[in-house]
């Protein structure tokens, strides 16, 4: 009887160990974007205008602009860009423009409610995505 009890205990521990490993799964999606960056980010760029970027967990980016009295809207964006994120950079490539990309360093605030983007191509001195963006809930 004691032998069955030991065998059952060992068998149960092995099953728990195998299930622990088996339940930790890898996602089918590539982890190409920091989950904290997923969402809609906006900044007011002048008295009347707002620019926004919507980043998805599938690695797509949608840009748009609207007036300050409008809600963020990406409905008229027909072709999203592709996004690849590392620990410190965000690279945006445009399917319509082969070989062209924009690369930014980014700093996410501690509360993850704002992010600052800095364009890394210093030949382009001004671009709409440079600056601090606020997360839209």
N, C-alpha and C. Protein backbone atom coordinates (compact mmCIF):
# COMPACT_ATOMS: atom_id res chain seq x y z
N UNK A 1 0.82 -1.19 0.00
CA UNK A 1 0.00 0.00 0.00
C UNK A 1 0.86 1.25 0.00
N UNK A 2 1.94 1.23 0.78
CA UNK A 2 2.82 2.37 0.87
C UNK A 2 3.50 2.62 -0.49
N UNK A 3 3.82 1.54 -1.20
CA UNK A 3 4.47 1.65 -2.51
C UNK A 3 3.54 2.37 -3.50
N UNK A 4 2.24 2.06 -3.47
CA UNK A 4 1.28 2.72 -4.34
C UNK A 4 1.19 4.21 -4.01
N UNK A 5 1.22 4.52 -2.74
CA UNK A 5 1.14 5.91 -2.30
C UNK A 5 2.35 6.70 -2.80
N UNK A 6 3.55 6.15 -2.70
CA UNK A 6 4.76 6.81 -3.18
C UNK A 6 4.69 6.98 -4.70
N UNK A 7 4.30 5.90 -5.39
CA UNK A 7 4.19 5.96 -6.85
C UNK A 7 3.19 7.05 -7.26
N UNK A 8 2.04 7.11 -6.60
CA UNK A 8 1.02 8.11 -6.93
C UNK A 8 1.54 9.52 -6.67
N UNK A 9 2.26 9.72 -5.56
CA UNK A 9 2.81 11.04 -5.24
C UNK A 9 3.82 11.49 -6.29
N UNK A 10 4.72 10.59 -6.68
CA UNK A 10 5.72 10.91 -7.70
C UNK A 10 5.03 11.19 -9.03
N UNK A 11 4.06 10.34 -9.39
CA UNK A 11 3.32 10.52 -10.63
C UNK A 11 2.59 11.87 -10.63
N UNK A 12 1.96 12.22 -9.51
CA UNK A 12 1.24 13.49 -9.41
C UNK A 12 2.19 14.68 -9.55
N UNK A 13 3.37 14.60 -8.92
CA UNK A 13 4.35 15.69 -9.04
C UNK A 13 4.84 15.83 -10.47
N UNK A 14 5.05 14.71 -11.15
CA UNK A 14 5.49 14.77 -12.55
C UNK A 14 4.41 15.40 -13.43
N UNK A 15 3.17 15.04 -13.19
CA UNK A 15 2.07 15.62 -13.97
C UNK A 15 1.97 17.13 -13.75
N UNK A 16 2.09 17.56 -12.50
CA UNK A 16 2.04 18.99 -12.19
C UNK A 16 3.18 19.71 -12.90
N UNK A 17 4.38 19.14 -12.87
CA UNK A 17 5.53 19.75 -13.54
C UNK A 17 5.31 19.83 -15.04
N UNK A 18 4.81 18.77 -15.65
CA UNK A 18 4.58 18.78 -17.10
C UNK A 18 3.50 19.78 -17.48
N UNK A 19 2.43 19.85 -16.70
CA UNK A 19 1.37 20.81 -16.99
C UNK A 19 1.85 22.24 -16.81
N UNK A 20 2.72 22.47 -15.83
CA UNK A 20 3.26 23.81 -15.63
C UNK A 20 4.01 24.27 -16.86
N UNK A 21 4.83 23.42 -17.40
CA UNK A 21 5.61 23.75 -18.59
C UNK A 21 4.68 23.85 -19.79
N UNK A 22 3.75 22.94 -19.91
CA UNK A 22 2.86 22.91 -21.07
C UNK A 22 1.91 24.09 -21.13
N UNK A 23 1.49 24.62 -20.00
CA UNK A 23 0.56 25.74 -20.00
C UNK A 23 1.22 27.07 -20.26
N UNK A 24 2.52 27.15 -20.15
CA UNK A 24 3.24 28.37 -20.50
C UNK A 24 3.46 28.31 -22.00
N UNK A 25 2.67 29.08 -22.73
CA UNK A 25 2.74 28.96 -24.18
C UNK A 25 3.37 30.19 -24.79
N UNK A 26 3.86 30.01 -25.99
CA UNK A 26 4.39 31.11 -26.77
C UNK A 26 3.27 31.63 -27.63
N UNK A 27 3.24 32.93 -27.80
CA UNK A 27 2.23 33.53 -28.65
C UNK A 27 2.53 33.25 -30.11
N UNK A 28 1.47 33.14 -30.90
CA UNK A 28 1.67 32.99 -32.34
C UNK A 28 2.16 34.28 -32.96
N UNK A 29 1.82 35.42 -32.34
CA UNK A 29 2.27 36.70 -32.86
C UNK A 29 3.71 36.93 -32.44
N UNK A 30 4.46 37.59 -33.29
CA UNK A 30 5.79 38.03 -32.88
C UNK A 30 5.60 39.13 -31.86
N UNK A 31 6.42 39.15 -30.84
CA UNK A 31 6.34 40.24 -29.87
C UNK A 31 7.06 41.44 -30.47
N UNK A 32 6.40 42.12 -31.41
CA UNK A 32 7.07 43.21 -32.09
C UNK A 32 6.65 44.57 -31.56
N UNK A 33 5.93 44.60 -30.45
CA UNK A 33 5.58 45.87 -29.84
C UNK A 33 5.44 45.70 -28.33
N UNK A 34 6.01 46.63 -27.61
CA UNK A 34 5.90 46.67 -26.16
C UNK A 34 4.42 46.86 -25.81
N UNK A 35 3.86 45.98 -25.02
CA UNK A 35 2.43 46.02 -24.71
C UNK A 35 2.00 47.36 -24.10
N UNK A 36 2.89 48.02 -23.39
CA UNK A 36 2.56 49.31 -22.79
C UNK A 36 2.38 50.39 -23.86
N UNK A 37 2.92 50.18 -25.06
CA UNK A 37 2.78 51.16 -26.14
C UNK A 37 1.50 50.96 -26.95
N UNK A 38 0.83 49.83 -26.77
CA UNK A 38 -0.39 49.56 -27.53
C UNK A 38 -1.47 50.54 -27.09
N UNK A 39 -2.11 51.17 -28.06
CA UNK A 39 -3.17 52.11 -27.76
C UNK A 39 -3.06 53.35 -28.63
N UNK A 40 -3.84 54.34 -28.29
CA UNK A 40 -3.88 55.60 -29.04
C UNK A 40 -3.15 56.67 -28.25
N UNK A 41 -2.24 57.36 -28.93
CA UNK A 41 -1.41 58.41 -28.34
C UNK A 41 -1.62 59.70 -29.14
N UNK A 42 -1.80 60.82 -28.45
CA UNK A 42 -2.04 62.08 -29.14
C UNK A 42 -1.19 63.19 -28.56
N UNK A 43 -0.97 64.22 -29.41
CA UNK A 43 -0.36 65.46 -28.93
C UNK A 43 -0.93 66.61 -29.74
N UNK A 44 -1.11 67.72 -29.08
CA UNK A 44 -1.57 68.93 -29.77
C UNK A 44 -0.33 69.59 -30.35
N UNK A 45 -0.33 69.84 -31.66
CA UNK A 45 0.85 70.39 -32.29
C UNK A 45 0.75 71.88 -32.60
N UNK A 46 -0.44 72.45 -32.53
CA UNK A 46 -0.61 73.90 -32.62
C UNK A 46 -1.95 74.25 -31.99
N UNK A 47 -2.38 75.51 -32.15
CA UNK A 47 -3.62 75.96 -31.52
C UNK A 47 -4.85 75.15 -31.95
N UNK A 48 -4.82 74.64 -33.19
CA UNK A 48 -6.01 74.00 -33.74
C UNK A 48 -5.90 72.52 -34.01
N UNK A 49 -4.68 71.99 -34.06
CA UNK A 49 -4.51 70.63 -34.53
C UNK A 49 -3.93 69.65 -33.53
N UNK A 50 -4.34 68.40 -33.70
CA UNK A 50 -3.86 67.28 -32.89
C UNK A 50 -3.36 66.21 -33.86
N UNK A 51 -2.25 65.60 -33.52
CA UNK A 51 -1.76 64.45 -34.29
C UNK A 51 -1.85 63.24 -33.38
N UNK A 52 -2.15 62.10 -33.97
CA UNK A 52 -2.26 60.89 -33.17
C UNK A 52 -1.65 59.70 -33.88
N UNK A 53 -1.25 58.75 -33.08
CA UNK A 53 -0.77 57.48 -33.59
C UNK A 53 -1.45 56.39 -32.77
N UNK A 54 -1.97 55.42 -33.49
CA UNK A 54 -2.60 54.26 -32.85
C UNK A 54 -1.70 53.06 -33.11
N UNK A 55 -1.19 52.45 -32.06
CA UNK A 55 -0.31 51.29 -32.16
C UNK A 55 -1.08 50.04 -31.72
N UNK A 56 -1.02 49.01 -32.54
CA UNK A 56 -1.75 47.78 -32.23
C UNK A 56 -0.79 46.69 -31.78
N UNK A 57 -1.33 45.70 -31.10
CA UNK A 57 -0.51 44.58 -30.63
C UNK A 57 -0.02 43.71 -31.78
N UNK A 58 -0.63 43.85 -32.95
CA UNK A 58 -0.19 43.08 -34.11
C UNK A 58 0.92 43.79 -34.89
N UNK A 59 1.42 44.93 -34.36
CA UNK A 59 2.53 45.62 -34.99
C UNK A 59 2.15 46.56 -36.10
N UNK A 60 0.97 47.15 -36.03
CA UNK A 60 0.51 48.13 -37.02
C UNK A 60 0.43 49.50 -36.38
N UNK A 61 0.68 50.53 -37.19
CA UNK A 61 0.58 51.91 -36.73
C UNK A 61 -0.33 52.69 -37.67
N UNK A 62 -1.23 53.44 -37.10
CA UNK A 62 -2.14 54.29 -37.85
C UNK A 62 -1.89 55.73 -37.43
N UNK A 63 -1.65 56.62 -38.39
CA UNK A 63 -1.45 58.05 -38.11
C UNK A 63 -2.69 58.80 -38.57
N UNK A 64 -2.96 59.90 -37.90
CA UNK A 64 -3.98 60.81 -38.40
C UNK A 64 -3.87 62.14 -37.68
N UNK A 65 -4.54 63.13 -38.23
CA UNK A 65 -4.62 64.46 -37.63
C UNK A 65 -6.09 64.86 -37.58
N UNK A 66 -6.45 65.70 -36.61
CA UNK A 66 -7.80 66.21 -36.48
C UNK A 66 -7.74 67.50 -35.70
N UNK A 67 -8.85 68.20 -35.64
CA UNK A 67 -8.88 69.45 -34.90
C UNK A 67 -9.05 69.16 -33.40
N UNK A 68 -8.71 70.16 -32.58
CA UNK A 68 -8.72 69.96 -31.13
C UNK A 68 -10.10 69.65 -30.57
N UNK A 69 -11.15 70.02 -31.27
CA UNK A 69 -12.50 69.76 -30.76
C UNK A 69 -13.08 68.43 -31.24
N UNK A 70 -12.29 67.62 -31.95
CA UNK A 70 -12.74 66.32 -32.43
C UNK A 70 -12.13 65.19 -31.59
N UNK A 71 -12.77 64.04 -31.63
CA UNK A 71 -12.24 62.83 -30.99
C UNK A 71 -11.21 62.18 -31.92
N UNK A 72 -10.25 61.44 -31.36
CA UNK A 72 -9.30 60.71 -32.22
C UNK A 72 -10.05 59.80 -33.17
N UNK A 73 -9.63 59.81 -34.44
CA UNK A 73 -10.33 59.05 -35.46
C UNK A 73 -9.31 58.52 -36.46
N UNK A 74 -9.33 57.23 -36.67
CA UNK A 74 -8.42 56.59 -37.62
C UNK A 74 -9.18 55.86 -38.72
N UNK A 75 -10.48 56.15 -38.84
CA UNK A 75 -11.32 55.45 -39.81
C UNK A 75 -10.89 55.67 -41.26
N UNK A 76 -10.34 56.83 -41.58
CA UNK A 76 -9.98 57.11 -42.97
C UNK A 76 -8.54 56.72 -43.31
N UNK A 77 -7.86 56.03 -42.40
CA UNK A 77 -6.50 55.57 -42.67
C UNK A 77 -6.60 54.21 -43.37
N UNK A 78 -6.28 54.21 -44.67
CA UNK A 78 -6.50 52.99 -45.45
C UNK A 78 -5.34 52.01 -45.38
N UNK A 79 -4.14 52.51 -45.15
CA UNK A 79 -2.98 51.62 -45.18
C UNK A 79 -2.09 51.87 -43.96
N UNK A 80 -2.15 50.98 -42.98
CA UNK A 80 -1.32 51.20 -41.79
C UNK A 80 0.15 50.93 -42.07
N UNK A 81 0.99 51.52 -41.25
CA UNK A 81 2.43 51.25 -41.30
C UNK A 81 2.72 50.04 -40.42
N UNK A 82 3.92 49.49 -40.57
CA UNK A 82 4.36 48.38 -39.73
C UNK A 82 5.29 48.92 -38.66
N UNK A 83 5.21 48.33 -37.47
CA UNK A 83 6.00 48.80 -36.34
C UNK A 83 6.82 47.66 -35.77
N UNK A 84 8.07 47.94 -35.47
CA UNK A 84 8.95 46.99 -34.77
C UNK A 84 9.55 47.75 -33.60
N UNK A 85 9.45 47.18 -32.41
CA UNK A 85 9.90 47.86 -31.19
C UNK A 85 10.96 47.04 -30.50
N UNK A 86 12.03 47.73 -30.07
CA UNK A 86 13.01 47.12 -29.17
C UNK A 86 12.83 47.77 -27.81
N UNK A 87 13.76 47.55 -26.91
CA UNK A 87 13.65 48.15 -25.58
C UNK A 87 13.70 49.67 -25.62
N UNK A 88 14.38 50.24 -26.63
CA UNK A 88 14.57 51.69 -26.65
C UNK A 88 14.18 52.37 -27.96
N UNK A 89 13.86 51.59 -29.00
CA UNK A 89 13.55 52.22 -30.28
C UNK A 89 12.26 51.67 -30.88
N UNK A 90 11.67 52.51 -31.71
CA UNK A 90 10.46 52.16 -32.43
C UNK A 90 10.76 52.45 -33.91
N UNK A 91 10.62 51.44 -34.76
CA UNK A 91 10.88 51.60 -36.20
C UNK A 91 9.57 51.43 -36.94
N UNK A 92 9.24 52.44 -37.74
CA UNK A 92 8.01 52.44 -38.51
C UNK A 92 8.37 52.34 -39.99
N UNK A 93 7.83 51.33 -40.65
CA UNK A 93 8.04 51.17 -42.09
C UNK A 93 6.69 51.31 -42.80
N UNK A 94 6.76 51.85 -43.99
CA UNK A 94 5.54 52.13 -44.76
C UNK A 94 5.48 51.20 -45.96
N UNK A 95 4.45 50.37 -46.04
CA UNK A 95 4.34 49.42 -47.16
C UNK A 95 4.29 50.12 -48.53
N UNK A 96 3.77 51.35 -48.58
CA UNK A 96 3.66 52.07 -49.84
C UNK A 96 5.00 52.64 -50.30
N UNK A 97 5.97 52.72 -49.40
CA UNK A 97 7.26 53.31 -49.72
C UNK A 97 8.38 52.32 -49.38
N UNK A 98 8.65 51.36 -50.28
CA UNK A 98 9.67 50.34 -50.00
C UNK A 98 11.03 50.97 -49.66
N UNK A 99 11.62 50.46 -48.61
CA UNK A 99 12.94 50.94 -48.18
C UNK A 99 12.91 52.15 -47.26
N UNK A 100 11.78 52.84 -47.16
CA UNK A 100 11.69 54.02 -46.30
C UNK A 100 11.24 53.60 -44.91
N UNK A 101 11.86 54.17 -43.90
CA UNK A 101 11.44 53.93 -42.52
C UNK A 101 11.76 55.15 -41.67
N UNK A 102 11.11 55.23 -40.55
CA UNK A 102 11.40 56.24 -39.53
C UNK A 102 11.76 55.49 -38.27
N UNK A 103 12.79 55.96 -37.58
CA UNK A 103 13.20 55.30 -36.35
C UNK A 103 13.26 56.34 -35.24
N UNK A 104 12.66 55.98 -34.11
CA UNK A 104 12.56 56.88 -32.96
C UNK A 104 13.09 56.18 -31.72
N UNK A 105 13.74 56.95 -30.85
CA UNK A 105 13.95 56.44 -29.50
C UNK A 105 12.68 56.83 -28.74
N UNK A 106 12.34 56.08 -27.73
CA UNK A 106 11.15 56.42 -26.96
C UNK A 106 11.43 56.22 -25.48
N UNK A 107 10.73 57.03 -24.68
CA UNK A 107 10.78 56.91 -23.23
C UNK A 107 9.34 56.93 -22.74
N UNK A 108 8.95 55.86 -22.11
CA UNK A 108 7.60 55.72 -21.56
C UNK A 108 7.62 56.21 -20.12
N UNK A 109 6.64 57.02 -19.74
CA UNK A 109 6.58 57.51 -18.36
C UNK A 109 6.34 56.35 -17.40
N UNK A 110 6.66 56.57 -16.14
CA UNK A 110 6.48 55.51 -15.15
C UNK A 110 5.03 55.04 -15.05
N UNK A 111 4.10 55.99 -15.16
CA UNK A 111 2.69 55.62 -15.06
C UNK A 111 2.12 55.12 -16.40
N UNK A 112 2.96 55.10 -17.44
CA UNK A 112 2.61 54.60 -18.78
C UNK A 112 1.45 55.38 -19.41
N UNK A 113 1.33 56.67 -19.02
CA UNK A 113 0.28 57.52 -19.59
C UNK A 113 0.83 58.53 -20.58
N UNK A 114 2.14 58.60 -20.72
CA UNK A 114 2.74 59.45 -21.73
C UNK A 114 4.00 58.79 -22.26
N UNK A 115 4.35 59.15 -23.49
CA UNK A 115 5.54 58.62 -24.12
C UNK A 115 6.18 59.75 -24.93
N UNK A 116 7.50 59.82 -24.87
CA UNK A 116 8.24 60.82 -25.64
C UNK A 116 8.99 60.11 -26.75
N UNK A 117 8.77 60.58 -27.99
CA UNK A 117 9.45 60.05 -29.15
C UNK A 117 10.48 61.06 -29.65
N UNK A 118 11.67 60.58 -30.00
CA UNK A 118 12.71 61.43 -30.58
C UNK A 118 13.17 60.77 -31.87
N UNK A 119 13.04 61.50 -32.97
CA UNK A 119 13.46 60.99 -34.27
C UNK A 119 14.97 60.79 -34.27
N UNK A 120 15.44 59.62 -34.70
CA UNK A 120 16.87 59.32 -34.67
C UNK A 120 17.60 59.75 -35.94
N UNK A 121 16.89 60.09 -37.00
CA UNK A 121 17.52 60.58 -38.22
C UNK A 121 17.64 62.09 -38.09
N UNK A 122 18.83 62.54 -37.77
CA UNK A 122 19.03 63.96 -37.47
C UNK A 122 18.99 64.84 -38.71
N UNK A 123 18.94 64.25 -39.91
CA UNK A 123 18.78 65.04 -41.12
C UNK A 123 17.35 65.57 -41.23
N UNK A 124 16.42 64.87 -40.65
CA UNK A 124 15.03 65.31 -40.62
C UNK A 124 14.82 66.02 -39.29
N UNK A 125 14.84 67.33 -39.31
CA UNK A 125 14.83 68.07 -38.04
C UNK A 125 13.44 68.20 -37.42
N UNK A 126 12.40 68.09 -38.22
CA UNK A 126 11.07 68.27 -37.66
C UNK A 126 10.15 67.19 -38.20
N UNK A 127 9.52 66.50 -37.32
CA UNK A 127 8.55 65.49 -37.73
C UNK A 127 7.46 65.43 -36.68
N UNK A 128 6.25 65.19 -37.12
CA UNK A 128 5.10 65.22 -36.23
C UNK A 128 5.14 64.26 -35.06
N UNK A 129 5.82 63.12 -35.22
CA UNK A 129 5.83 62.15 -34.12
C UNK A 129 6.86 62.48 -33.05
N UNK A 130 7.74 63.41 -33.30
CA UNK A 130 8.69 63.80 -32.26
C UNK A 130 7.93 64.58 -31.19
N UNK A 131 8.26 64.33 -29.95
CA UNK A 131 7.62 65.04 -28.86
C UNK A 131 6.94 64.09 -27.89
N UNK A 132 6.20 64.66 -26.97
CA UNK A 132 5.53 63.88 -25.93
C UNK A 132 4.06 63.71 -26.27
N UNK A 133 3.62 62.46 -26.22
CA UNK A 133 2.25 62.10 -26.51
C UNK A 133 1.58 61.59 -25.25
N UNK A 134 0.29 61.83 -25.15
CA UNK A 134 -0.52 61.40 -24.01
C UNK A 134 -1.39 60.23 -24.47
N UNK A 135 -1.52 59.22 -23.62
CA UNK A 135 -2.36 58.06 -23.96
C UNK A 135 -3.83 58.43 -23.81
N UNK A 136 -4.61 58.06 -24.82
CA UNK A 136 -6.05 58.30 -24.82
C UNK A 136 -6.71 57.02 -24.33
N UNK A 137 -7.53 57.14 -23.33
CA UNK A 137 -8.21 55.95 -22.77
C UNK A 137 -9.35 55.50 -23.63
